Amino acid sequence: MPSRRAAAAALDSDNWIHTEVLVLNASYEALTEIGADRAVVLLISDAAEIVVERAPRFPIRSQRMEIALPETIRLRRYVYLEHRVLVHDESRATLAGVLRRDEHRCGYCAGWARTVDHVLPRSRGGPNTWSNLIAACSDCNTRKADRTPAEAGMRLLWEPKAPSDLARAQRRVWKNLTTTHLTTTTT
């Protein structure tokens, strides 16, 4: 998979419209990601402002104006959303989803993981849920076998939980805001 920087370097007049832009509520909470074309409409209609420009800078030009392609925008008016949990710890999980959540890191040794382990083994009624599945390297998975981590003398490095769709995006927003603030206060 190409890195975000490689994808940004490959932007041109034909494909910029397909890039994703993070949308923040007026309170800087991450809401969702939208296509760049929709983000530009929100910016031009003054419904949003650019928080972080995409790097390297990619200008979007019309006959009368030019704006930078944003990486993150913030809505000018607060949008109230009903709080709903779409995925919870007892939701059914997939192999690919668990590996993505754990960033392919083994939950027992932090090494590279390509398999998933049931914390409570399936043979003992362990379900295929977010709270019972953890990424595991093949060595740790084999060593643990059909036992609980305690029985195998192994310790989980983190508690498996359902992924938060926007938690990573929110961390990136706060990091970018901190970096931007530090840059403007030091210059």
N, C-alpha and C. Protein backbone atom coordinates (compact mmCIF):
# COMPACT_ATOMS: atom_id res chain seq x y z
N MET A 1 0.84 -1.17 0.00
CA MET A 1 0.00 0.00 0.00
C MET A 1 0.89 1.24 0.00
N PRO A 2 0.63 2.23 -0.86
CA PRO A 2 1.47 3.42 -0.90
C PRO A 2 1.25 4.27 0.34
N SER A 3 2.31 4.95 0.76
CA SER A 3 2.20 5.81 1.94
C SER A 3 1.39 7.06 1.58
N ARG A 4 0.93 7.76 2.62
CA ARG A 4 0.16 8.98 2.39
C ARG A 4 1.00 10.02 1.67
N ARG A 5 2.29 10.10 2.01
CA ARG A 5 3.16 11.08 1.35
C ARG A 5 3.33 10.74 -0.13
N ALA A 6 3.46 9.44 -0.43
CA ALA A 6 3.59 9.03 -1.83
C ALA A 6 2.31 9.37 -2.58
N ALA A 7 1.16 9.14 -1.93
CA ALA A 7 -0.11 9.45 -2.56
C ALA A 7 -0.23 10.96 -2.77
N ALA A 8 0.22 11.74 -1.78
CA ALA A 8 0.15 13.20 -1.90
C ALA A 8 1.05 13.69 -3.03
N ALA A 9 2.22 13.08 -3.19
CA ALA A 9 3.14 13.49 -4.24
C ALA A 9 2.58 13.18 -5.62
N ALA A 10 1.70 12.19 -5.70
CA ALA A 10 1.14 11.78 -6.98
C ALA A 10 -0.13 12.54 -7.34
N LEU A 11 -0.54 13.52 -6.54
CA LEU A 11 -1.75 14.27 -6.84
C LEU A 11 -1.59 15.05 -8.14
N ASP A 12 -2.66 15.04 -8.92
CA ASP A 12 -2.68 15.86 -10.13
C ASP A 12 -4.11 16.33 -10.37
N SER A 13 -4.33 17.04 -11.44
CA SER A 13 -5.64 17.63 -11.71
C SER A 13 -6.73 16.58 -11.95
N ASP A 14 -6.34 15.35 -12.22
CA ASP A 14 -7.32 14.30 -12.47
C ASP A 14 -7.71 13.52 -11.21
N ASN A 15 -6.82 13.43 -10.22
CA ASN A 15 -7.13 12.54 -9.10
C ASN A 15 -7.27 13.23 -7.75
N TRP A 16 -7.00 14.51 -7.61
CA TRP A 16 -7.10 15.18 -6.31
C TRP A 16 -8.48 15.03 -5.71
N ILE A 17 -9.47 14.97 -6.55
CA ILE A 17 -10.86 14.91 -6.12
C ILE A 17 -11.17 13.64 -5.32
N HIS A 18 -10.33 12.61 -5.47
CA HIS A 18 -10.56 11.32 -4.79
C HIS A 18 -9.87 11.22 -3.44
N THR A 19 -9.14 12.26 -3.02
CA THR A 19 -8.48 12.20 -1.72
C THR A 19 -9.52 12.43 -0.61
N GLU A 20 -9.22 11.91 0.57
CA GLU A 20 -10.11 12.05 1.71
C GLU A 20 -9.68 13.23 2.57
N VAL A 21 -10.66 13.92 3.13
CA VAL A 21 -10.41 15.07 3.99
C VAL A 21 -11.14 14.82 5.31
N LEU A 22 -10.44 14.99 6.43
CA LEU A 22 -11.03 14.81 7.75
C LEU A 22 -11.87 16.03 8.09
N VAL A 23 -13.10 15.78 8.56
CA VAL A 23 -14.00 16.87 8.94
C VAL A 23 -14.12 16.89 10.46
N LEU A 24 -13.88 18.08 11.03
CA LEU A 24 -14.02 18.28 12.46
C LEU A 24 -15.26 19.10 12.74
N ASN A 25 -15.88 18.83 13.88
CA ASN A 25 -16.99 19.66 14.31
C ASN A 25 -16.41 21.01 14.75
N ALA A 26 -17.24 21.97 15.03
CA ALA A 26 -16.77 23.28 15.48
C ALA A 26 -15.94 23.16 16.76
N SER A 27 -16.16 22.10 17.52
CA SER A 27 -15.44 21.86 18.78
C SER A 27 -14.15 21.07 18.57
N TYR A 28 -13.75 20.88 17.31
CA TYR A 28 -12.54 20.15 16.93
C TYR A 28 -12.64 18.64 17.17
N GLU A 29 -13.82 18.10 17.33
CA GLU A 29 -14.01 16.65 17.44
C GLU A 29 -14.09 16.09 16.03
N ALA A 30 -13.41 14.99 15.79
CA ALA A 30 -13.45 14.36 14.47
C ALA A 30 -14.85 13.80 14.22
N LEU A 31 -15.41 14.12 13.05
CA LEU A 31 -16.73 13.63 12.69
C LEU A 31 -16.66 12.51 11.66
N THR A 32 -15.98 12.76 10.56
CA THR A 32 -15.94 11.79 9.47
C THR A 32 -14.89 12.22 8.47
N GLU A 33 -14.71 11.42 7.44
CA GLU A 33 -13.87 11.79 6.31
C GLU A 33 -14.78 11.90 5.09
N ILE A 34 -14.52 12.91 4.26
CA ILE A 34 -15.31 13.12 3.05
C ILE A 34 -14.36 13.30 1.87
N GLY A 35 -14.91 13.24 0.68
CA GLY A 35 -14.12 13.46 -0.52
C GLY A 35 -13.68 14.91 -0.61
N ALA A 36 -12.55 15.14 -1.28
CA ALA A 36 -12.01 16.49 -1.41
C ALA A 36 -12.97 17.42 -2.14
N ASP A 37 -13.73 16.88 -3.09
CA ASP A 37 -14.67 17.73 -3.82
C ASP A 37 -15.72 18.32 -2.89
N ARG A 38 -16.25 17.50 -1.97
CA ARG A 38 -17.24 17.98 -1.00
C ARG A 38 -16.59 18.97 -0.02
N ALA A 39 -15.36 18.72 0.37
CA ALA A 39 -14.66 19.61 1.28
C ALA A 39 -14.47 20.99 0.64
N VAL A 40 -14.15 21.02 -0.65
CA VAL A 40 -13.97 22.29 -1.36
C VAL A 40 -15.29 23.05 -1.39
N VAL A 41 -16.40 22.36 -1.60
CA VAL A 41 -17.71 23.02 -1.60
C VAL A 41 -17.98 23.65 -0.23
N LEU A 42 -17.67 22.92 0.85
CA LEU A 42 -17.87 23.46 2.20
C LEU A 42 -16.99 24.69 2.44
N LEU A 43 -15.77 24.67 1.93
CA LEU A 43 -14.86 25.81 2.10
C LEU A 43 -15.35 27.03 1.30
N ILE A 44 -15.73 26.81 0.06
CA ILE A 44 -16.17 27.92 -0.80
C ILE A 44 -17.46 28.54 -0.27
N SER A 45 -18.35 27.71 0.28
CA SER A 45 -19.61 28.23 0.82
C SER A 45 -19.44 28.81 2.22
N ASP A 46 -18.21 28.83 2.73
CA ASP A 46 -17.87 29.38 4.04
C ASP A 46 -18.53 28.60 5.19
N ALA A 47 -18.86 27.34 4.95
CA ALA A 47 -19.42 26.48 5.99
C ALA A 47 -18.30 25.83 6.80
N ALA A 48 -17.07 25.89 6.27
CA ALA A 48 -15.93 25.28 6.95
C ALA A 48 -14.69 26.11 6.70
N GLU A 49 -13.65 25.81 7.50
CA GLU A 49 -12.37 26.47 7.32
C GLU A 49 -11.28 25.40 7.32
N ILE A 50 -10.16 25.72 6.69
CA ILE A 50 -9.03 24.78 6.66
C ILE A 50 -8.30 24.84 7.99
N VAL A 51 -8.08 23.65 8.57
CA VAL A 51 -7.30 23.55 9.80
C VAL A 51 -5.87 23.13 9.45
N VAL A 52 -5.76 22.13 8.56
CA VAL A 52 -4.45 21.65 8.13
C VAL A 52 -4.48 21.51 6.61
N GLU A 53 -3.52 22.15 5.95
CA GLU A 53 -3.38 21.99 4.50
C GLU A 53 -2.62 20.70 4.21
N ARG A 54 -2.94 20.10 3.08
CA ARG A 54 -2.23 18.89 2.68
C ARG A 54 -0.80 19.25 2.29
N ALA A 55 0.13 18.41 2.72
CA ALA A 55 1.54 18.65 2.39
C ALA A 55 2.01 17.54 1.46
N PRO A 56 2.70 17.84 0.41
CA PRO A 56 3.06 19.18 -0.05
C PRO A 56 1.82 19.92 -0.54
N ARG A 57 1.90 21.23 -0.52
CA ARG A 57 0.75 22.07 -0.89
C ARG A 57 0.30 21.74 -2.30
N PHE A 58 -1.02 21.59 -2.44
CA PHE A 58 -1.61 21.32 -3.76
C PHE A 58 -2.71 22.36 -3.98
N PRO A 59 -2.49 23.34 -4.85
CA PRO A 59 -3.50 24.38 -5.06
C PRO A 59 -4.64 23.89 -5.96
N ILE A 60 -5.85 24.30 -5.60
CA ILE A 60 -7.03 24.04 -6.43
C ILE A 60 -7.46 25.40 -6.95
N ARG A 61 -7.49 25.52 -8.27
CA ARG A 61 -7.73 26.83 -8.88
C ARG A 61 -9.00 26.83 -9.71
N SER A 62 -9.68 27.97 -9.65
CA SER A 62 -10.77 28.24 -10.58
C SER A 62 -10.39 29.54 -11.28
N GLN A 63 -11.30 30.06 -12.05
CA GLN A 63 -10.99 31.28 -12.79
C GLN A 63 -10.76 32.46 -11.84
N ARG A 64 -11.46 32.47 -10.69
CA ARG A 64 -11.38 33.64 -9.81
C ARG A 64 -10.77 33.37 -8.44
N MET A 65 -10.44 32.14 -8.14
CA MET A 65 -9.90 31.88 -6.80
C MET A 65 -8.95 30.70 -6.79
N GLU A 66 -8.19 30.63 -5.71
CA GLU A 66 -7.29 29.51 -5.48
C GLU A 66 -7.33 29.16 -3.99
N ILE A 67 -7.49 27.86 -3.70
CA ILE A 67 -7.42 27.42 -2.31
C ILE A 67 -6.49 26.21 -2.26
N ALA A 68 -5.93 25.96 -1.11
CA ALA A 68 -5.06 24.80 -0.93
C ALA A 68 -5.93 23.58 -0.64
N LEU A 69 -5.53 22.44 -1.18
CA LEU A 69 -6.22 21.19 -0.88
C LEU A 69 -6.05 20.90 0.61
N PRO A 70 -7.15 20.79 1.35
CA PRO A 70 -7.01 20.59 2.79
C PRO A 70 -6.80 19.12 3.15
N GLU A 71 -6.18 18.90 4.30
CA GLU A 71 -6.10 17.57 4.89
C GLU A 71 -7.18 17.47 5.97
N THR A 72 -7.42 18.59 6.67
CA THR A 72 -8.43 18.65 7.72
C THR A 72 -9.17 19.96 7.63
N ILE A 73 -10.51 19.89 7.74
CA ILE A 73 -11.32 21.10 7.78
C ILE A 73 -12.16 21.07 9.06
N ARG A 74 -12.61 22.27 9.47
CA ARG A 74 -13.46 22.39 10.65
C ARG A 74 -14.73 23.12 10.27
N LEU A 75 -15.86 22.55 10.65
CA LEU A 75 -17.14 23.20 10.39
C LEU A 75 -17.24 24.47 11.24
N ARG A 76 -17.81 25.51 10.68
CA ARG A 76 -17.93 26.78 11.41
C ARG A 76 -19.08 26.73 12.42
N ARG A 77 -20.07 25.89 12.16
CA ARG A 77 -21.20 25.75 13.09
C ARG A 77 -21.19 24.35 13.67
N TYR A 78 -21.51 24.25 14.95
CA TYR A 78 -21.51 22.96 15.65
C TYR A 78 -22.65 22.09 15.12
N VAL A 79 -22.34 20.83 14.85
CA VAL A 79 -23.34 19.88 14.40
C VAL A 79 -23.61 18.92 15.55
N TYR A 80 -24.86 18.85 15.99
CA TYR A 80 -25.24 17.94 17.07
C TYR A 80 -25.55 16.58 16.49
N LEU A 81 -24.88 15.57 17.01
CA LEU A 81 -25.10 14.21 16.53
C LEU A 81 -25.55 13.34 17.69
N GLU A 82 -26.49 12.47 17.41
CA GLU A 82 -26.91 11.51 18.42
C GLU A 82 -25.76 10.55 18.64
N HIS A 83 -25.42 10.31 19.90
CA HIS A 83 -24.30 9.42 20.21
C HIS A 83 -24.75 7.98 20.03
N ARG A 84 -24.11 7.30 19.08
CA ARG A 84 -24.42 5.89 18.85
C ARG A 84 -23.12 5.12 18.80
N VAL A 85 -23.10 3.98 19.44
CA VAL A 85 -21.95 3.10 19.36
C VAL A 85 -22.27 2.06 18.30
N LEU A 86 -21.55 2.11 17.20
CA LEU A 86 -21.81 1.18 16.11
C LEU A 86 -21.13 -0.16 16.36
N VAL A 87 -19.96 -0.12 16.94
CA VAL A 87 -19.21 -1.34 17.23
C VAL A 87 -18.88 -1.32 18.71
N HIS A 88 -19.14 -2.43 19.40
CA HIS A 88 -18.80 -2.51 20.81
C HIS A 88 -17.97 -3.76 21.05
N ASP A 89 -17.46 -3.90 22.26
CA ASP A 89 -16.52 -4.99 22.58
C ASP A 89 -17.07 -6.37 22.30
N GLU A 90 -18.37 -6.54 22.41
CA GLU A 90 -18.97 -7.87 22.19
C GLU A 90 -19.48 -8.04 20.76
N SER A 91 -19.19 -7.10 19.88
CA SER A 91 -19.54 -7.24 18.46
C SER A 91 -18.64 -8.28 17.82
N ARG A 92 -19.15 -8.93 16.80
CA ARG A 92 -18.38 -9.92 16.06
C ARG A 92 -17.23 -9.22 15.33
N ALA A 93 -16.04 -9.80 15.39
CA ALA A 93 -14.85 -9.22 14.77
C ALA A 93 -14.35 -10.13 13.66
N THR A 94 -13.55 -9.56 12.77
CA THR A 94 -12.95 -10.32 11.68
C THR A 94 -11.44 -10.37 11.86
N LEU A 95 -10.82 -11.34 11.21
CA LEU A 95 -9.36 -11.47 11.25
C LEU A 95 -8.70 -10.18 10.77
N ALA A 96 -9.13 -9.69 9.61
CA ALA A 96 -8.53 -8.46 9.06
C ALA A 96 -8.76 -7.27 9.98
N GLY A 97 -9.93 -7.18 10.58
CA GLY A 97 -10.23 -6.08 11.48
C GLY A 97 -9.37 -6.09 12.73
N VAL A 98 -9.14 -7.27 13.30
CA VAL A 98 -8.32 -7.39 14.51
C VAL A 98 -6.86 -7.04 14.18
N LEU A 99 -6.36 -7.54 13.05
CA LEU A 99 -4.98 -7.23 12.66
C LEU A 99 -4.81 -5.72 12.43
N ARG A 100 -5.79 -5.10 11.81
CA ARG A 100 -5.73 -3.65 11.58
C ARG A 100 -5.79 -2.90 12.90
N ARG A 101 -6.70 -3.30 13.79
CA ARG A 101 -6.83 -2.64 15.09
C ARG A 101 -5.52 -2.71 15.87
N ASP A 102 -4.87 -3.89 15.87
CA ASP A 102 -3.64 -4.10 16.63
C ASP A 102 -2.38 -3.73 15.84
N GLU A 103 -2.57 -3.20 14.64
CA GLU A 103 -1.47 -2.77 13.77
C GLU A 103 -0.47 -3.89 13.52
N HIS A 104 -0.99 -5.10 13.38
CA HIS A 104 -0.18 -6.30 13.11
C HIS A 104 0.88 -6.53 14.19
N ARG A 105 0.61 -6.09 15.41
CA ARG A 105 1.53 -6.32 16.54
C ARG A 105 0.97 -7.40 17.42
N CYS A 106 1.80 -8.34 17.78
CA CYS A 106 1.40 -9.46 18.65
C CYS A 106 1.03 -8.92 20.03
N GLY A 107 -0.10 -9.34 20.54
CA GLY A 107 -0.56 -8.90 21.85
C GLY A 107 0.19 -9.52 23.01
N TYR A 108 1.10 -10.46 22.72
CA TYR A 108 1.88 -11.12 23.76
C TYR A 108 3.34 -10.67 23.77
N CYS A 109 3.94 -10.47 22.57
CA CYS A 109 5.36 -10.11 22.52
C CYS A 109 5.63 -8.83 21.72
N ALA A 110 4.62 -8.25 21.11
CA ALA A 110 4.71 -7.03 20.29
C ALA A 110 5.45 -7.24 18.97
N GLY A 111 5.73 -8.49 18.62
CA GLY A 111 6.35 -8.78 17.32
C GLY A 111 5.33 -8.71 16.20
N TRP A 112 5.78 -8.98 14.97
CA TRP A 112 4.92 -8.93 13.79
C TRP A 112 3.90 -10.07 13.86
N ALA A 113 2.63 -9.75 13.69
CA ALA A 113 1.57 -10.75 13.80
C ALA A 113 0.83 -10.92 12.48
N ARG A 114 0.60 -12.17 12.13
CA ARG A 114 -0.20 -12.48 10.94
C ARG A 114 -1.41 -13.33 11.28
N THR A 115 -1.51 -13.75 12.53
CA THR A 115 -2.64 -14.58 12.95
C THR A 115 -3.37 -13.89 14.11
N VAL A 116 -4.51 -14.44 14.46
CA VAL A 116 -5.32 -13.92 15.55
C VAL A 116 -5.54 -15.03 16.56
N ASP A 117 -5.49 -14.67 17.83
CA ASP A 117 -5.66 -15.64 18.91
C ASP A 117 -6.94 -15.33 19.68
N HIS A 118 -7.64 -16.39 20.10
CA HIS A 118 -8.78 -16.26 21.00
C HIS A 118 -8.23 -16.24 22.43
N VAL A 119 -8.45 -15.17 23.18
CA VAL A 119 -7.98 -15.08 24.55
C VAL A 119 -8.59 -16.22 25.36
N LEU A 120 -9.91 -16.35 25.32
CA LEU A 120 -10.58 -17.53 25.86
C LEU A 120 -10.76 -18.46 24.65
N PRO A 121 -10.08 -19.61 24.65
CA PRO A 121 -10.10 -20.47 23.46
C PRO A 121 -11.51 -20.84 22.99
N ARG A 122 -11.64 -21.01 21.69
CA ARG A 122 -12.94 -21.39 21.09
C ARG A 122 -13.44 -22.70 21.67
N SER A 123 -12.51 -23.62 21.98
CA SER A 123 -12.92 -24.92 22.53
C SER A 123 -13.60 -24.79 23.89
N ARG A 124 -13.42 -23.63 24.53
CA ARG A 124 -14.05 -23.38 25.83
C ARG A 124 -15.18 -22.35 25.70
N GLY A 125 -15.63 -22.15 24.50
CA GLY A 125 -16.76 -21.24 24.28
C GLY A 125 -16.36 -19.81 24.01
N GLY A 126 -15.08 -19.55 23.74
CA GLY A 126 -14.62 -18.19 23.44
C GLY A 126 -15.21 -17.68 22.13
N PRO A 127 -15.88 -16.53 22.17
CA PRO A 127 -16.53 -16.01 20.96
C PRO A 127 -15.55 -15.27 20.04
N ASN A 128 -15.99 -15.00 18.82
CA ASN A 128 -15.22 -14.23 17.84
C ASN A 128 -15.57 -12.75 17.98
N THR A 129 -15.30 -12.19 19.16
CA THR A 129 -15.65 -10.79 19.43
C THR A 129 -14.39 -9.96 19.61
N TRP A 130 -14.56 -8.63 19.52
CA TRP A 130 -13.43 -7.72 19.64
C TRP A 130 -12.71 -7.89 20.97
N SER A 131 -13.45 -8.18 22.04
CA SER A 131 -12.82 -8.29 23.35
C SER A 131 -12.16 -9.64 23.59
N ASN A 132 -12.39 -10.62 22.69
CA ASN A 132 -11.79 -11.95 22.89
C ASN A 132 -10.73 -12.28 21.84
N LEU A 133 -10.53 -11.41 20.86
CA LEU A 133 -9.55 -11.67 19.81
C LEU A 133 -8.40 -10.68 19.90
N ILE A 134 -7.19 -11.19 19.69
CA ILE A 134 -6.00 -10.33 19.71
C ILE A 134 -5.03 -10.84 18.65
N ALA A 135 -4.32 -9.91 18.00
CA ALA A 135 -3.31 -10.30 17.02
C ALA A 135 -2.21 -11.07 17.74
N ALA A 136 -1.68 -12.09 17.07
CA ALA A 136 -0.62 -12.90 17.67
C ALA A 136 0.33 -13.39 16.60
N CYS A 137 1.61 -13.40 16.93
CA CYS A 137 2.58 -13.99 16.01
C CYS A 137 2.39 -15.51 16.08
N SER A 138 2.87 -16.23 15.10
CA SER A 138 2.64 -17.67 15.06
C SER A 138 3.32 -18.38 16.23
N ASP A 139 4.50 -17.90 16.68
CA ASP A 139 5.18 -18.53 17.82
C ASP A 139 4.34 -18.42 19.09
N CYS A 140 3.84 -17.21 19.39
CA CYS A 140 3.04 -17.02 20.61
C CYS A 140 1.71 -17.76 20.50
N ASN A 141 1.11 -17.75 19.32
CA ASN A 141 -0.16 -18.44 19.13
C ASN A 141 0.02 -19.94 19.36
N THR A 142 1.11 -20.51 18.85
CA THR A 142 1.39 -21.94 19.03
C THR A 142 1.70 -22.24 20.50
N ARG A 143 2.50 -21.37 21.13
CA ARG A 143 2.87 -21.58 22.53
C ARG A 143 1.65 -21.53 23.45
N LYS A 144 0.74 -20.60 23.19
CA LYS A 144 -0.46 -20.47 24.03
C LYS A 144 -1.39 -21.65 23.80
N ALA A 145 -1.49 -22.08 22.55
CA ALA A 145 -2.31 -23.24 22.16
C ALA A 145 -3.75 -23.10 22.65
N ASP A 146 -4.25 -24.15 23.29
CA ASP A 146 -5.66 -24.22 23.69
C ASP A 146 -5.81 -23.87 25.17
N ARG A 147 -5.07 -22.83 25.61
CA ARG A 147 -5.11 -22.44 27.01
C ARG A 147 -5.42 -20.95 27.12
N THR A 148 -5.73 -20.51 28.31
CA THR A 148 -5.88 -19.07 28.55
C THR A 148 -4.48 -18.50 28.71
N PRO A 149 -4.31 -17.19 28.58
CA PRO A 149 -2.98 -16.61 28.78
C PRO A 149 -2.39 -16.95 30.15
N ALA A 150 -3.21 -16.93 31.20
CA ALA A 150 -2.72 -17.25 32.55
C ALA A 150 -2.23 -18.69 32.62
N GLU A 151 -2.96 -19.63 32.04
CA GLU A 151 -2.56 -21.03 32.05
C GLU A 151 -1.26 -21.25 31.28
N ALA A 152 -1.06 -20.45 30.22
CA ALA A 152 0.14 -20.58 29.40
C ALA A 152 1.31 -19.77 29.96
N GLY A 153 1.07 -19.02 31.03
CA GLY A 153 2.13 -18.19 31.62
C GLY A 153 2.47 -17.00 30.73
N MET A 154 1.49 -16.51 29.99
CA MET A 154 1.70 -15.39 29.08
C MET A 154 0.85 -14.20 29.54
N ARG A 155 1.35 -13.00 29.28
CA ARG A 155 0.65 -11.79 29.69
C ARG A 155 0.25 -11.01 28.44
N LEU A 156 -0.99 -10.52 28.43
CA LEU A 156 -1.44 -9.64 27.35
C LEU A 156 -0.82 -8.26 27.55
N LEU A 157 -0.30 -7.68 26.47
CA LEU A 157 0.31 -6.35 26.55
C LEU A 157 -0.74 -5.24 26.59
N TRP A 158 -1.94 -5.52 26.10
CA TRP A 158 -3.04 -4.57 26.14
C TRP A 158 -4.34 -5.36 26.14
N GLU A 159 -5.39 -4.70 26.60
CA GLU A 159 -6.70 -5.34 26.65
C GLU A 159 -7.37 -5.16 25.30
N PRO A 160 -7.81 -6.26 24.68
CA PRO A 160 -8.48 -6.12 23.38
C PRO A 160 -9.84 -5.44 23.54
N LYS A 161 -10.07 -4.43 22.71
CA LYS A 161 -11.32 -3.68 22.74
C LYS A 161 -11.78 -3.41 21.31
N ALA A 162 -13.03 -3.04 21.17
CA ALA A 162 -13.55 -2.65 19.86
C ALA A 162 -12.82 -1.40 19.38
N PRO A 163 -12.51 -1.31 18.10
CA PRO A 163 -11.82 -0.12 17.59
C PRO A 163 -12.74 1.08 17.56
N SER A 164 -12.16 2.24 17.76
CA SER A 164 -12.89 3.49 17.62
C SER A 164 -12.53 4.04 16.25
N ASP A 165 -13.51 4.18 15.40
CA ASP A 165 -13.26 4.60 14.02
C ASP A 165 -12.52 5.93 13.93
N LEU A 166 -12.87 6.86 14.77
CA LEU A 166 -12.28 8.19 14.62
C LEU A 166 -11.25 8.52 15.69
N ALA A 167 -10.94 7.58 16.58
CA ALA A 167 -9.97 7.86 17.64
C ALA A 167 -8.60 8.21 17.06
N ARG A 168 -8.15 7.45 16.08
CA ARG A 168 -6.85 7.71 15.47
C ARG A 168 -6.86 9.07 14.75
N ALA A 169 -7.95 9.35 14.05
CA ALA A 169 -8.06 10.64 13.36
C ALA A 169 -8.06 11.78 14.36
N GLN A 170 -8.74 11.59 15.51
CA GLN A 170 -8.77 12.64 16.52
C GLN A 170 -7.39 12.89 17.09
N ARG A 171 -6.62 11.82 17.34
CA ARG A 171 -5.24 11.99 17.84
C ARG A 171 -4.40 12.77 16.83
N ARG A 172 -4.58 12.48 15.54
CA ARG A 172 -3.83 13.18 14.50
C ARG A 172 -4.20 14.67 14.48
N VAL A 173 -5.49 14.97 14.69
CA VAL A 173 -5.94 16.36 14.71
C VAL A 173 -5.26 17.11 15.84
N TRP A 174 -5.29 16.53 17.05
CA TRP A 174 -4.68 17.22 18.20
C TRP A 174 -3.18 17.38 18.00
N LYS A 175 -2.54 16.39 17.42
CA LYS A 175 -1.10 16.48 17.16
C LYS A 175 -0.82 17.60 16.16
N ASN A 176 -1.61 17.66 15.08
CA ASN A 176 -1.43 18.72 14.08
C ASN A 176 -1.69 20.10 14.68
N LEU A 177 -2.73 20.21 15.52
CA LEU A 177 -3.04 21.50 16.13
C LEU A 177 -1.91 21.93 17.06
N THR A 178 -1.36 20.98 17.82
CA THR A 178 -0.25 21.30 18.72
C THR A 178 0.96 21.75 17.93
N THR A 179 1.27 21.02 16.85
CA THR A 179 2.41 21.37 16.01
C THR A 179 2.21 22.74 15.38
N THR A 180 1.02 23.00 14.87
CA THR A 180 0.71 24.29 14.26
C THR A 180 0.82 25.41 15.28
N HIS A 181 0.29 25.18 16.49
CA HIS A 181 0.34 26.19 17.55
C HIS A 181 1.78 26.48 17.96
N LEU A 182 2.57 25.42 18.11
CA LEU A 182 3.98 25.61 18.51
C LEU A 182 4.74 26.37 17.44
N THR A 183 4.46 26.09 16.18
CA THR A 183 5.14 26.76 15.07
C THR A 183 4.79 28.24 15.04
N THR A 184 3.52 28.58 15.26
CA THR A 184 3.11 29.98 15.18
C THR A 184 3.56 30.77 16.41
N THR A 185 3.69 30.12 17.57
CA THR A 185 4.13 30.85 18.76
C THR A 185 5.63 31.03 18.82
N THR A 186 6.38 30.17 18.15
CA THR A 186 7.84 30.29 18.18
C THR A 186 8.38 31.20 17.09
N THR A 187 7.56 31.50 16.09
CA THR A 187 8.05 32.38 15.01
C THR A 187 7.63 33.79 15.21
